Structure formats: C-alpha cells, structure tokens
Amino acid sequence: MTVDDETAEEARDKFNSLVSMPPVGSVQPFAGRRFSVSAESMNPTTEPEYKKKFRIREALDNNFLFKNMDEDSYRDVIDAMEEKRVEKGQSVIVQGGVGDYFYIVERGSFDIFVRKGDAPPTLVATVADSGSFGELALMYNAPRAATVTATSDATLWALDRITFRSLLMERTSRKRRLYERFLETVPLLKSLESYERQKIADALESVTYEDNDAIVKQGDPGDDFFLIEQGTVRVYKTDTNGVSREFPPLTQGGYFGELALMDNQPRQASLIACGRTKCARMSRDAFDRLLGPVINIIRREAGNYTHIPSLANKS
C-alpha cells in the first residue's frame, strides 16, 4: 500500500467515525440495533414527488369522473398520471385520430372543435383548469370525436388508454367484490340472494370521514342510507328541552339513516365519526329500488331499537 493510499484510508476512517458519532446529548433511537444506510432517502416520497402528487390531486378533486372514486383507486390514478406541457396553438387531440390518452387540465385553456363533412370546424366547447377531455375515445374504443387545441401555454396530466380502461374496469370489479363480501357480513342483508347483494354493491358509494366529522345532523333532511365499513360512529340525540344524550356507538356492519328515508322525516339523531371512519352510502332512489326485500326487516328492527329507543317513535 502506498503512502497516498494509507493517507486516503486514514481520512476515510476519520470521516466514518465522525459520521457515526451522534451529537452530544442527542437521543439514539436505533441504539443496539443493526441497520443499513442507503444513499436513497428513507422516505420513498421525495419532495418533488410529493409536490407532483399534490398538484395531481388538486386537478382531480374537481373532476366529475373521480369525485366518487375510492381511496385505493384514487391513489392508483395519481401514480399513473404523466405530466405533459403544451404550447399555445398546439393540438393535443385531432378529430379522427386514435385515442391514446385521457387528459386533465392542471392549468391553461383549450378550445374543442368538431368538423362535420366539408364544413369548417365549429367551436363547441372550451376547457380550463380542472377540466378534462379525451375519455370517450378510450371508454368506447372509438376514433377521436373532436380536435382539442391549446389557447394558452398549458400543463396537462395524462392517463394512457390501457391504464385508464383497466382502472375503470378494475375499479368497478374490485368495488363489487369488496362490497359483496362486506354485505354478506351485514345481518340485515343476509336474507338476500347473491344477485340482490350485487345490485346493492353497485349502488354503494364509499365515503371516508375524519375524527369528529358530522355524518348526519339531527333535524336535517334525509337523503342517504349508510352502512359502516370501518370505524365507529357516536350517536347523539337532543330532546325537546335541548338536552343532548349520547347513546351506545355503532360499529362495522351497523347501519343508519333508514328512518328518514322510509318515513320522509328529518334526521332523528346526530351521528359523528369517532376516529377515521369509512361508510358505504346509498342514495334515496337506490334505497327505495333495491331494499324492498328487506324493508319489513328494517321496520321491525326500527321498532325494536335498543340503542336509541326514541328513534323508533316515527316508525
């Protein structure tokens, strides 16, 4: 070994010893444990990646196609999005072309033109921030039905055809499988046939509430029926003297909101999320259409409420 090699080795040893020494008085949470060190950040989401996902989420939040998407599918969409920069005057989609991407506008504006026969193209719509275009060709495997041209420099988020279709189809399929398994555990629905539960599964919408979020407020009109997928819901009822009373909570497999839908009455209690809570929500129309076979069971249960006796006074 040469003198230069020895000097370099000594320098490395000193550097390594300095790196491994914790600051004076610091806490050593990994003391006594063996762990490896990588040049890669221990947090897999780097700052640029975090910012990118935040931008995509902002663009998706106001887009009707994704408003009711469950969290897992929502994350899949965000992970699959690809950023595209567009200059003013550039046509992103050309009528008659092959549909390869679905686009969401983060910023910028676009004109949409349709040409019929030999007539000049007609402006039929404009799209701006949080708008979207290109989904029809991907959903129906058809040529592009319009030309979309940027009227300003713009930033788009693009989802390719294969991912778009697989996510939509997988979303529907996964949602049905999850809800079918969940509905089998709900005592109220055990008497239903499998195909009846499938129809209910397709009509349910997943909603997540944070701790202390009001899911239902006493006195409000009732438009939805709820099944608890995960978490706990606290129940409060205020009497005519203004005194609020708390009743035993509802947990996974429990349901609420049926009384207001059956009897067209205001909500009879307030229900508050206790911790992060996930519910399956069903609209009034779907409730009336799909829960006919168990409506008598619901009424019977409503007449025998043990956790909130006063809720049954409207049934």
C-alpha atoms as a PDB file:
ATOM      1  CA  MET A   1       0.000   0.000   0.000  1.00  0.00           C
ATOM      2  CA  THR A   2       1.420   3.436  -0.949  1.00  0.00           C
ATOM      3  CA  VAL A   3       1.627   6.465   1.338  1.00  0.00           C
ATOM      4  CA  ASP A   4      -1.191   8.103  -0.625  1.00  0.00           C
ATOM      5  CA  ASP A   5      -3.398   5.028  -0.131  1.00  0.00           C
ATOM      6  CA  GLU A   6      -2.658   4.983   3.586  1.00  0.00           C
ATOM      7  CA  THR A   7      -3.485   8.692   3.856  1.00  0.00           C
ATOM      8  CA  ALA A   8      -6.758   8.221   1.967  1.00  0.00           C
ATOM      9  CA  GLU A   9      -7.693   5.236   4.105  1.00  0.00           C
ATOM     10  CA  GLU A  10      -6.958   7.191   7.283  1.00  0.00           C
ATOM     11  CA  ALA A  11      -9.094  10.087   6.066  1.00  0.00           C
ATOM     12  CA  ARG A  12     -11.992   7.742   5.320  1.00  0.00           C
ATOM     13  CA  ASP A  13     -11.718   6.183   8.796  1.00  0.00           C
ATOM     14  CA  LYS A  14     -11.825   9.611  10.432  1.00  0.00           C
ATOM     15  CA  PHE A  15     -14.771  10.677   8.286  1.00  0.00           C
ATOM     16  CA  ASN A  16     -16.682   7.469   9.076  1.00  0.00           C
ATOM     17  CA  SER A  17     -16.027   7.866  12.789  1.00  0.00           C
ATOM     18  CA  LEU A  18     -17.293  11.462  12.679  1.00  0.00           C
ATOM     19  CA  VAL A  19     -20.417  10.481  10.736  1.00  0.00           C
ATOM     20  CA  SER A  20     -21.253   7.666  13.131  1.00  0.00           C
ATOM     21  CA  MET A  21     -20.914   9.844  16.269  1.00  0.00           C
ATOM     22  CA  PRO A  22     -24.252  11.349  17.409  1.00  0.00           C
ATOM     23  CA  PRO A  23     -24.415  14.930  18.661  1.00  0.00           C
ATOM     24  CA  VAL A  24     -23.773  15.362  22.373  1.00  0.00           C
ATOM     25  CA  GLY A  25     -26.934  14.818  24.412  1.00  0.00           C
ATOM     26  CA  SER A  26     -28.931  13.505  21.483  1.00  0.00           C
ATOM     27  CA  VAL A  27     -31.322  10.573  21.732  1.00  0.00           C
ATOM     28  CA  GLN A  28     -30.218   7.422  19.910  1.00  0.00           C
ATOM     29  CA  PRO A  29     -33.441   5.640  18.911  1.00  0.00           C
ATOM     30  CA  PHE A  30     -31.577   2.938  16.987  1.00  0.00           C
ATOM     31  CA  ALA A  31     -29.021   2.198  19.739  1.00  0.00           C
ATOM     32  CA  GLY A  32     -28.376  -1.515  19.995  1.00  0.00           C
ATOM     33  CA  ARG A  33     -29.975  -2.217  16.596  1.00  0.00           C
ATOM     34  CA  ARG A  34     -28.229  -3.038  13.354  1.00  0.00           C
ATOM     35  CA  PHE A  35     -29.432  -1.231  10.274  1.00  0.00           C
ATOM     36  CA  SER A  36     -28.084  -0.402   6.859  1.00  0.00           C
ATOM     37  CA  VAL A  37     -27.636   3.039   5.394  1.00  0.00           C
ATOM     38  CA  SER A  38     -28.549   3.819   1.810  1.00  0.00           C
ATOM     39  CA  ALA A  39     -27.913   6.901  -0.259  1.00  0.00           C
ATOM     40  CA  GLU A  40     -31.633   6.853  -1.074  1.00  0.00           C
ATOM     41  CA  SER A  41     -33.970   8.787   1.217  1.00  0.00           C
ATOM     42  CA  MET A  42     -35.670   6.663   3.858  1.00  0.00           C
ATOM     43  CA  ASN A  43     -38.901   8.412   2.857  1.00  0.00           C
ATOM     44  CA  PRO A  44     -39.855   6.955  -0.552  1.00  0.00           C
ATOM     45  CA  THR A  45     -41.847  10.068  -1.446  1.00  0.00           C
ATOM     46  CA  THR A  46     -39.316  12.766  -2.267  1.00  0.00           C
ATOM     47  CA  GLU A  47     -40.232  16.425  -2.088  1.00  0.00           C
ATOM     48  CA  PRO A  48     -40.654  16.816  -5.873  1.00  0.00           C
ATOM     49  CA  GLU A  49     -42.764  13.644  -5.985  1.00  0.00           C
ATOM     50  CA  TYR A  50     -44.901  14.906  -3.105  1.00  0.00           C
ATOM     51  CA  LYS A  51     -45.462  18.199  -4.877  1.00  0.00           C
ATOM     52  CA  LYS A  52     -46.336  16.395  -8.092  1.00  0.00           C
ATOM     53  CA  LYS A  53     -48.941  14.230  -6.335  1.00  0.00           C
ATOM     54  CA  PHE A  54     -50.382  17.264  -4.600  1.00  0.00           C
ATOM     55  CA  ARG A  55     -50.790  19.014  -7.969  1.00  0.00           C
ATOM     56  CA  ILE A  56     -52.464  15.953  -9.496  1.00  0.00           C
ATOM     57  CA  ARG A  57     -54.804  15.653  -6.520  1.00  0.00           C
ATOM     58  CA  GLU A  58     -55.811  19.302  -6.872  1.00  0.00           C
ATOM     59  CA  ALA A  59     -56.588  18.734 -10.544  1.00  0.00           C
ATOM     60  CA  LEU A  60     -58.584  15.562  -9.817  1.00  0.00           C
ATOM     61  CA  ASP A  61     -60.565  16.915  -6.874  1.00  0.00           C
ATOM     62  CA  ASN A  62     -62.941  18.945  -9.026  1.00  0.00           C
ATOM     63  CA  ASN A  63     -63.240  16.436 -11.857  1.00  0.00           C
ATOM     64  CA  PHE A  64     -66.578  14.602 -12.006  1.00  0.00           C
ATOM     65  CA  LEU A  65     -65.025  11.320 -13.173  1.00  0.00           C
ATOM     66  CA  PHE A  66     -63.075  10.937  -9.956  1.00  0.00           C
ATOM     67  CA  LYS A  67     -65.333  12.518  -7.330  1.00  0.00           C
ATOM     68  CA  ASN A  68     -66.718   9.222  -6.043  1.00  0.00           C
ATOM     69  CA  MET A  69     -63.632   7.074  -6.550  1.00  0.00           C
ATOM     70  CA  ASP A  70     -62.468   5.094  -3.517  1.00  0.00           C
ATOM     71  CA  GLU A  71     -59.119   5.989  -1.983  1.00  0.00           C
ATOM     72  CA  ASP A  72     -57.183   2.998  -3.336  1.00  0.00           C
ATOM     73  CA  SER A  73     -58.282   3.635  -6.921  1.00  0.00           C
ATOM     74  CA  TYR A  74     -57.643   7.349  -6.443  1.00  0.00           C
ATOM     75  CA  ARG A  75     -54.035   6.621  -5.452  1.00  0.00           C
ATOM     76  CA  ASP A  76     -53.650   4.315  -8.464  1.00  0.00           C
ATOM     77  CA  VAL A  77     -54.785   7.095 -10.789  1.00  0.00           C
ATOM     78  CA  ILE A  78     -52.400   9.609  -9.214  1.00  0.00           C
ATOM     79  CA  ASP A  79     -49.474   7.198  -9.516  1.00  0.00           C
ATOM     80  CA  ALA A  80     -50.250   6.537 -13.187  1.00  0.00           C
ATOM     81  CA  MET A  81     -50.585  10.184 -14.261  1.00  0.00           C
ATOM     82  CA  GLU A  82     -47.943  11.613 -16.598  1.00  0.00           C
ATOM     83  CA  GLU A  83     -47.233  15.334 -16.884  1.00  0.00           C
ATOM     84  CA  LYS A  84     -47.352  16.914 -20.346  1.00  0.00           C
ATOM     85  CA  ARG A  85     -46.501  20.525 -21.228  1.00  0.00           C
ATOM     86  CA  VAL A  86     -48.357  22.054 -24.167  1.00  0.00           C
ATOM     87  CA  GLU A  87     -47.624  25.269 -26.072  1.00  0.00           C
ATOM     88  CA  LYS A  88     -50.263  27.715 -27.240  1.00  0.00           C
ATOM     89  CA  GLY A  89     -51.660  26.682 -30.634  1.00  0.00           C
ATOM     90  CA  GLN A  90     -50.730  23.018 -30.254  1.00  0.00           C
ATOM     91  CA  SER A  91     -53.450  20.445 -30.966  1.00  0.00           C
ATOM     92  CA  VAL A  92     -53.362  17.766 -28.293  1.00  0.00           C
ATOM     93  CA  ILE A  93     -56.111  15.701 -29.931  1.00  0.00           C
ATOM     94  CA  VAL A  94     -57.054  15.601 -33.616  1.00  0.00           C
ATOM     95  CA  GLN A  95     -60.513  14.521 -34.758  1.00  0.00           C
ATOM     96  CA  GLY A  96     -60.439  11.050 -36.325  1.00  0.00           C
ATOM     97  CA  GLY A  97     -57.175  10.126 -34.622  1.00  0.00           C
ATOM     98  CA  VAL A  98     -56.537   7.170 -32.339  1.00  0.00           C
ATOM     99  CA  GLY A  99     -57.391   7.690 -28.688  1.00  0.00           C
ATOM    100  CA  ASP A 100     -54.260   7.080 -26.675  1.00  0.00           C
ATOM    101  CA  TYR A 101     -54.600   9.348 -23.638  1.00  0.00           C
ATOM    102  CA  PHE A 102     -57.162  10.883 -21.321  1.00  0.00           C
ATOM    103  CA  TYR A 103     -56.243  14.392 -20.159  1.00  0.00           C
ATOM    104  CA  ILE A 104     -56.929  16.561 -17.119  1.00  0.00           C
ATOM    105  CA  VAL A 105     -56.035  20.247 -17.272  1.00  0.00           C
ATOM    106  CA  GLU A 106     -53.932  21.487 -14.392  1.00  0.00           C
ATOM    107  CA  ARG A 107     -53.602  24.974 -15.829  1.00  0.00           C
ATOM    108  CA  GLY A 108     -54.306  26.545 -19.197  1.00  0.00           C
ATOM    109  CA  SER A 109     -57.211  26.663 -21.622  1.00  0.00           C
ATOM    110  CA  PHE A 110     -58.290  24.695 -24.661  1.00  0.00           C
ATOM    111  CA  ASP A 111     -60.829  25.053 -27.464  1.00  0.00           C
ATOM    112  CA  ILE A 112     -62.697  21.993 -28.723  1.00  0.00           C
ATOM    113  CA  PHE A 113     -63.646  21.919 -32.406  1.00  0.00           C
ATOM    114  CA  VAL A 114     -65.834  19.468 -34.319  1.00  0.00           C
ATOM    115  CA  ARG A 115     -65.804  19.202 -38.111  1.00  0.00           C
ATOM    116  CA  LYS A 116     -68.861  17.851 -39.940  1.00  0.00           C
ATOM    117  CA  GLY A 117     -68.295  16.862 -43.546  1.00  0.00           C
ATOM    118  CA  ASP A 118     -66.567  19.545 -45.571  1.00  0.00           C
ATOM    119  CA  ALA A 119     -67.760  22.392 -43.367  1.00  0.00           C
ATOM    120  CA  PRO A 120     -65.178  24.379 -41.373  1.00  0.00           C
ATOM    121  CA  PRO A 121     -64.573  23.177 -37.789  1.00  0.00           C
ATOM    122  CA  THR A 122     -67.070  24.536 -35.263  1.00  0.00           C
ATOM    123  CA  LEU A 123     -66.094  25.588 -31.755  1.00  0.00           C
ATOM    124  CA  VAL A 124     -68.284  23.501 -29.463  1.00  0.00           C
ATOM    125  CA  ALA A 125     -66.701  23.946 -26.025  1.00  0.00           C
ATOM    126  CA  THR A 126     -63.782  25.301 -24.042  1.00  0.00           C
ATOM    127  CA  VAL A 127     -61.909  23.573 -21.249  1.00  0.00           C
ATOM    128  CA  ALA A 128     -59.869  25.219 -18.496  1.00  0.00           C
ATOM    129  CA  ASP A 129     -58.322  24.368 -15.112  1.00  0.00           C
ATOM    130  CA  SER A 130     -59.522  21.013 -13.666  1.00  0.00           C
ATOM    131  CA  GLY A 131     -61.435  20.248 -16.858  1.00  0.00           C
ATOM    132  CA  SER A 132     -60.824  17.070 -18.806  1.00  0.00           C
ATOM    133  CA  PHE A 133     -61.125  15.638 -22.276  1.00  0.00           C
ATOM    134  CA  GLY A 134     -60.353  12.514 -24.265  1.00  0.00           C
ATOM    135  CA  GLU A 135     -62.263   9.967 -22.191  1.00  0.00           C
ATOM    136  CA  LEU A 136     -64.890   8.994 -24.793  1.00  0.00           C
ATOM    137  CA  ALA A 137     -62.455   7.511 -27.305  1.00  0.00           C
ATOM    138  CA  LEU A 138     -60.842   5.465 -24.554  1.00  0.00           C
ATOM    139  CA  MET A 139     -64.082   4.275 -22.983  1.00  0.00           C
ATOM    140  CA  TYR A 140     -65.691   3.227 -26.262  1.00  0.00           C
ATOM    141  CA  ASN A 141     -62.570   2.345 -28.257  1.00  0.00           C
ATOM    142  CA  ALA A 142     -63.586   4.848 -30.949  1.00  0.00           C
ATOM    143  CA  PRO A 143     -61.697   7.459 -33.002  1.00  0.00           C
ATOM    144  CA  ARG A 144     -61.333  10.937 -31.556  1.00  0.00           C
ATOM    145  CA  ALA A 145     -64.599  12.832 -31.965  1.00  0.00           C
ATOM    146  CA  ALA A 146     -63.105  16.347 -31.858  1.00  0.00           C
ATOM    147  CA  THR A 147     -59.939  18.386 -32.126  1.00  0.00           C
ATOM    148  CA  VAL A 148     -58.618  19.997 -28.943  1.00  0.00           C
ATOM    149  CA  THR A 149     -56.251  22.948 -29.333  1.00  0.00           C
ATOM    150  CA  ALA A 150     -54.447  24.894 -26.618  1.00  0.00           C
ATOM    151  CA  THR A 151     -55.318  28.592 -26.473  1.00  0.00           C
ATOM    152  CA  SER A 152     -52.526  29.228 -23.961  1.00  0.00           C
ATOM    153  CA  ASP A 153     -49.415  27.510 -22.712  1.00  0.00           C
ATOM    154  CA  ALA A 154     -50.749  24.695 -20.537  1.00  0.00           C
ATOM    155  CA  THR A 155     -49.936  21.798 -18.259  1.00  0.00           C
ATOM    156  CA  LEU A 156     -51.840  18.538 -18.581  1.00  0.00           C
ATOM    157  CA  TRP A 157     -51.922  15.302 -16.644  1.00  0.00           C
ATOM    158  CA  ALA A 158     -52.295  12.339 -18.994  1.00  0.00           C
ATOM    159  CA  LEU A 159     -53.523   8.808 -18.327  1.00  0.00           C
ATOM    160  CA  ASP A 160     -52.817   6.245 -21.051  1.00  0.00           C
ATOM    161  CA  ARG A 161     -55.512   4.131 -22.659  1.00  0.00           C
ATOM    162  CA  ILE A 162     -54.572   0.799 -21.059  1.00  0.00           C
ATOM    163  CA  THR A 163     -54.298   2.242 -17.547  1.00  0.00           C
ATOM    164  CA  PHE A 164     -57.483   4.276 -17.981  1.00  0.00           C
ATOM    165  CA  ARG A 165     -59.545   1.278 -19.073  1.00  0.00           C
ATOM    166  CA  SER A 166     -58.039  -1.162 -16.594  1.00  0.00           C
ATOM    167  CA  LEU A 167     -58.503   1.256 -13.699  1.00  0.00           C
ATOM    168  CA  LEU A 168     -62.125   1.916 -14.581  1.00  0.00           C
ATOM    169  CA  MET A 169     -62.931  -1.748 -15.095  1.00  0.00           C
ATOM    170  CA  GLU A 170     -60.869  -2.883 -12.127  1.00  0.00           C
ATOM    171  CA  ARG A 171     -62.446  -0.181 -10.007  1.00  0.00           C
ATOM    172  CA  THR A 172     -65.939  -1.484 -10.788  1.00  0.00           C
ATOM    173  CA  SER A 173     -64.932  -5.110 -10.354  1.00  0.00           C
ATOM    174  CA  ARG A 174     -62.963  -4.508  -7.145  1.00  0.00           C
ATOM    175  CA  LYS A 175     -65.717  -2.364  -5.670  1.00  0.00           C
ATOM    176  CA  ARG A 176     -68.298  -5.094  -6.333  1.00  0.00           C
ATOM    177  CA  ARG A 177     -66.111  -7.829  -4.808  1.00  0.00           C
ATOM    178  CA  LEU A 178     -65.326  -5.779  -1.716  1.00  0.00           C
ATOM    179  CA  TYR A 179     -68.906  -4.740  -1.134  1.00  0.00           C
ATOM    180  CA  GLU A 180     -70.291  -8.217  -1.772  1.00  0.00           C
ATOM    181  CA  ARG A 181     -68.004  -9.612   0.925  1.00  0.00           C
ATOM    182  CA  PHE A 182     -68.907  -6.749   3.238  1.00  0.00           C
ATOM    183  CA  LEU A 183     -72.655  -7.060   2.609  1.00  0.00           C
ATOM    184  CA  GLU A 184     -72.514 -10.771   3.479  1.00  0.00           C
ATOM    185  CA  THR A 185     -71.470  -9.737   6.990  1.00  0.00           C
ATOM    186  CA  VAL A 186     -74.361  -7.293   7.482  1.00  0.00           C
ATOM    187  CA  PRO A 187     -77.101  -9.104   9.425  1.00  0.00           C
ATOM    188  CA  LEU A 188     -79.807  -7.008   7.799  1.00  0.00           C
ATOM    189  CA  LEU A 189     -78.882  -8.256   4.322  1.00  0.00           C
ATOM    190  CA  LYS A 190     -78.112 -11.914   4.979  1.00  0.00           C
ATOM    191  CA  SER A 191     -81.542 -12.990   3.769  1.00  0.00           C
ATOM    192  CA  LEU A 192     -80.927 -11.524   0.309  1.00  0.00           C
ATOM    193  CA  GLU A 193     -79.932 -13.568  -2.717  1.00  0.00           C
ATOM    194  CA  SER A 194     -76.427 -13.102  -4.128  1.00  0.00           C
ATOM    195  CA  TYR A 195     -77.657 -11.205  -7.194  1.00  0.00           C
ATOM    196  CA  GLU A 196     -79.624  -8.831  -4.954  1.00  0.00           C
ATOM    197  CA  ARG A 197     -76.477  -8.045  -2.964  1.00  0.00           C
ATOM    198  CA  GLN A 198     -74.610  -7.476  -6.236  1.00  0.00           C
ATOM    199  CA  LYS A 199     -77.113  -4.798  -7.225  1.00  0.00           C
ATOM    200  CA  ILE A 200     -76.740  -3.144  -3.831  1.00  0.00           C
ATOM    201  CA  ALA A 201     -72.939  -3.311  -4.118  1.00  0.00           C
ATOM    202  CA  ASP A 202     -73.079  -1.464  -7.436  1.00  0.00           C
ATOM    203  CA  ALA A 203     -75.239   1.262  -5.911  1.00  0.00           C
ATOM    204  CA  LEU A 204     -72.995   1.945  -2.920  1.00  0.00           C
ATOM    205  CA  GLU A 205     -70.537   4.822  -2.773  1.00  0.00           C
ATOM    206  CA  SER A 206     -67.588   4.788  -0.392  1.00  0.00           C
ATOM    207  CA  VAL A 207     -67.173   7.872   1.814  1.00  0.00           C
ATOM    208  CA  THR A 208     -64.450   8.480   4.402  1.00  0.00           C
ATOM    209  CA  TYR A 209     -64.884  10.718   7.425  1.00  0.00           C
ATOM    210  CA  GLU A 210     -62.231  12.057   9.756  1.00  0.00           C
ATOM    211  CA  ASP A 211     -62.478  12.136  13.551  1.00  0.00           C
ATOM    212  CA  ASN A 212     -65.400  14.296  14.778  1.00  0.00           C
ATOM    213  CA  ASP A 213     -66.848  14.796  11.280  1.00  0.00           C
ATOM    214  CA  ALA A 214     -70.648  15.049  11.356  1.00  0.00           C
ATOM    215  CA  ILE A 215     -72.021  12.307   9.085  1.00  0.00           C
ATOM    216  CA  VAL A 216     -75.656  13.074   9.877  1.00  0.00           C
ATOM    217  CA  LYS A 217     -77.111  16.019  11.797  1.00  0.00           C
ATOM    218  CA  GLN A 218     -80.366  15.820  13.757  1.00  0.00           C
ATOM    219  CA  GLY A 219     -83.111  17.809  12.054  1.00  0.00           C
ATOM    220  CA  ASP A 220     -81.546  17.731   8.585  1.00  0.00           C
ATOM    221  CA  PRO A 221     -83.468  16.198   5.677  1.00  0.00           C
ATOM    222  CA  GLY A 222     -82.562  12.582   4.985  1.00  0.00           C
ATOM    223  CA  ASP A 223     -81.293  11.713   1.511  1.00  0.00           C
ATOM    224  CA  ASP A 224     -78.894   8.817   2.146  1.00  0.00           C
ATOM    225  CA  PHE A 225     -78.676   5.462   3.883  1.00  0.00           C
ATOM    226  CA  PHE A 226     -75.351   4.427   5.460  1.00  0.00           C
ATOM    227  CA  LEU A 227     -73.580   1.159   6.227  1.00  0.00           C
ATOM    228  CA  ILE A 228     -70.434   1.289   8.363  1.00  0.00           C
ATOM    229  CA  GLU A 229     -67.498  -0.402   6.629  1.00  0.00           C
ATOM    230  CA  GLN A 230     -64.761   0.520   9.099  1.00  0.00           C
ATOM    231  CA  GLY A 231     -64.606   2.527  12.285  1.00  0.00           C
ATOM    232  CA  THR A 232     -67.032   3.689  14.929  1.00  0.00           C
ATOM    233  CA  VAL A 233     -69.884   6.214  14.888  1.00  0.00           C
ATOM    234  CA  ARG A 234     -71.064   8.037  18.003  1.00  0.00           C
ATOM    235  CA  VAL A 235     -74.798   8.711  18.325  1.00  0.00           C
ATOM    236  CA  TYR A 236     -76.340  11.789  19.953  1.00  0.00           C
ATOM    237  CA  LYS A 237     -79.968  12.849  20.277  1.00  0.00           C
ATOM    238  CA  THR A 238     -81.199  16.188  21.597  1.00  0.00           C
ATOM    239  CA  ASP A 239     -84.600  16.179  23.302  1.00  0.00           C
ATOM    240  CA  THR A 240     -87.270  18.887  23.200  1.00  0.00           C
ATOM    241  CA  ASN A 241     -85.656  20.578  26.224  1.00  0.00           C
ATOM    242  CA  GLY A 242     -82.381  20.974  24.384  1.00  0.00           C
ATOM    243  CA  VAL A 243     -80.597  18.294  26.414  1.00  0.00           C
ATOM    244  CA  SER A 244     -78.232  16.139  24.355  1.00  0.00           C
ATOM    245  CA  ARG A 245     -77.832  12.484  25.247  1.00  0.00           C
ATOM    246  CA  GLU A 246     -75.206  10.075  23.940  1.00  0.00           C
ATOM    247  CA  PHE A 247     -76.200   6.509  23.059  1.00  0.00           C
ATOM    248  CA  PRO A 248     -74.021   3.420  22.516  1.00  0.00           C
ATOM    249  CA  PRO A 249     -71.935   3.739  19.349  1.00  0.00           C
ATOM    250  CA  LEU A 250     -72.454   1.909  16.073  1.00  0.00           C
ATOM    251  CA  THR A 251     -69.604  -0.176  14.644  1.00  0.00           C
ATOM    252  CA  GLN A 252     -68.694  -2.138  11.496  1.00  0.00           C
ATOM    253  CA  GLY A 253     -71.734  -3.708   9.872  1.00  0.00           C
ATOM    254  CA  GLY A 254     -74.103  -1.271  11.548  1.00  0.00           C
ATOM    255  CA  TYR A 255     -76.375   0.986   9.567  1.00  0.00           C
ATOM    256  CA  PHE A 256     -78.258   4.234   9.998  1.00  0.00           C
ATOM    257  CA  GLY A 257     -80.295   6.793   8.085  1.00  0.00           C
ATOM    258  CA  GLU A 258     -83.103   4.408   7.157  1.00  0.00           C
ATOM    259  CA  LEU A 259     -85.847   6.020   9.243  1.00  0.00           C
ATOM    260  CA  ALA A 260     -85.665   9.366   7.485  1.00  0.00           C
ATOM    261  CA  LEU A 261     -85.826   7.642   4.096  1.00  0.00           C
ATOM    262  CA  MET A 262     -88.720   5.335   4.926  1.00  0.00           C
ATOM    263  CA  ASP A 263     -90.923   7.976   6.542  1.00  0.00           C
ATOM    264  CA  ASN A 264     -89.714  11.185   4.856  1.00  0.00           C
ATOM    265  CA  GLN A 265     -88.876  12.659   8.244  1.00  0.00           C
ATOM    266  CA  PRO A 266     -85.899  14.785   9.309  1.00  0.00           C
ATOM    267  CA  ARG A 267     -82.912  13.001  10.822  1.00  0.00           C
ATOM    268  CA  GLN A 268     -83.748  11.790  14.335  1.00  0.00           C
ATOM    269  CA  ALA A 269     -80.193  11.929  15.719  1.00  0.00           C
ATOM    270  CA  SER A 270     -76.713  13.253  15.011  1.00  0.00           C
ATOM    271  CA  LEU A 271     -74.029  10.723  14.121  1.00  0.00           C
ATOM    272  CA  ILE A 272     -70.375  11.672  14.487  1.00  0.00           C
ATOM    273  CA  ALA A 273     -67.287   9.809  13.277  1.00  0.00           C
ATOM    274  CA  CYS A 274     -65.128   8.511  16.116  1.00  0.00           C
ATOM    275  CA  GLY A 275     -61.689   8.361  14.542  1.00  0.00           C
ATOM    276  CA  ARG A 276     -61.267   7.750  10.831  1.00  0.00           C
ATOM    277  CA  THR A 277     -64.463   6.079   9.644  1.00  0.00           C
ATOM    278  CA  LYS A 278     -65.430   4.616   6.292  1.00  0.00           C
ATOM    279  CA  CYS A 279     -69.071   4.264   5.280  1.00  0.00           C
ATOM    280  CA  ALA A 280     -70.905   2.900   2.259  1.00  0.00           C
ATOM    281  CA  ARG A 281     -73.557   5.417   1.235  1.00  0.00           C
ATOM    282  CA  MET A 282     -76.712   4.700  -0.748  1.00  0.00           C
ATOM    283  CA  SER A 283     -78.995   7.313  -2.275  1.00  0.00           C
ATOM    284  CA  ARG A 284     -82.702   7.535  -1.563  1.00  0.00           C
ATOM    285  CA  ASP A 285     -83.596   6.279  -5.061  1.00  0.00           C
ATOM    286  CA  ALA A 286     -81.363   3.221  -4.732  1.00  0.00           C
ATOM    287  CA  PHE A 287     -82.690   2.569  -1.217  1.00  0.00           C
ATOM    288  CA  ASP A 288     -86.287   2.558  -2.455  1.00  0.00           C
ATOM    289  CA  ARG A 289     -85.433   0.464  -5.507  1.00  0.00           C
ATOM    290  CA  LEU A 290     -83.112  -2.158  -4.028  1.00  0.00           C
ATOM    291  CA  LEU A 291     -84.000  -2.637  -0.384  1.00  0.00           C
ATOM    292  CA  GLY A 292     -87.632  -3.602  -0.942  1.00  0.00           C
ATOM    293  CA  PRO A 293     -86.993  -7.249   0.038  1.00  0.00           C
ATOM    294  CA  VAL A 294     -85.708  -6.218   3.478  1.00  0.00           C
ATOM    295  CA  ILE A 295     -87.834  -3.161   4.154  1.00  0.00           C
ATOM    296  CA  ASN A 296     -90.029  -5.130   6.552  1.00  0.00           C
ATOM    297  CA  ILE A 297     -86.949  -6.304   8.442  1.00  0.00           C
ATOM    298  CA  ILE A 298     -85.762  -2.687   8.641  1.00  0.00           C
ATOM    299  CA  ARG A 299     -89.105  -1.586  10.025  1.00  0.00           C
ATOM    300  CA  ARG A 300     -89.124  -4.435  12.528  1.00  0.00           C
ATOM    301  CA  GLU A 301     -85.621  -3.555  13.687  1.00  0.00           C
ATOM    302  CA  ALA A 302     -86.571   0.114  13.876  1.00  0.00           C
ATOM    303  CA  GLY A 303     -89.444  -0.838  16.162  1.00  0.00           C
ATOM    304  CA  ASN A 304     -87.050  -2.712  18.417  1.00  0.00           C
ATOM    305  CA  TYR A 305     -84.193  -0.221  18.703  1.00  0.00           C
ATOM    306  CA  THR A 306     -82.416  -0.934  21.960  1.00  0.00           C
ATOM    307  CA  HIS A 307     -79.575   1.505  21.458  1.00  0.00           C
ATOM    308  CA  ILE A 308     -81.788   4.501  20.622  1.00  0.00           C
ATOM    309  CA  PRO A 309     -85.366   3.757  21.669  1.00  0.00           C
ATOM    310  CA  SER A 310     -86.560   7.254  20.848  1.00  0.00           C
ATOM    311  CA  LEU A 311     -85.571   6.918  17.195  1.00  0.00           C
ATOM    312  CA  ALA A 312     -88.361   4.433  16.615  1.00  0.00           C
ATOM    313  CA  ASN A 313     -91.120   6.815  17.601  1.00  0.00           C
ATOM    314  CA  LYS A 314     -91.571   7.828  13.977  1.00  0.00           C
ATOM    315  CA  SER A 315     -91.991   4.289  12.643  1.00  0.00           C
END
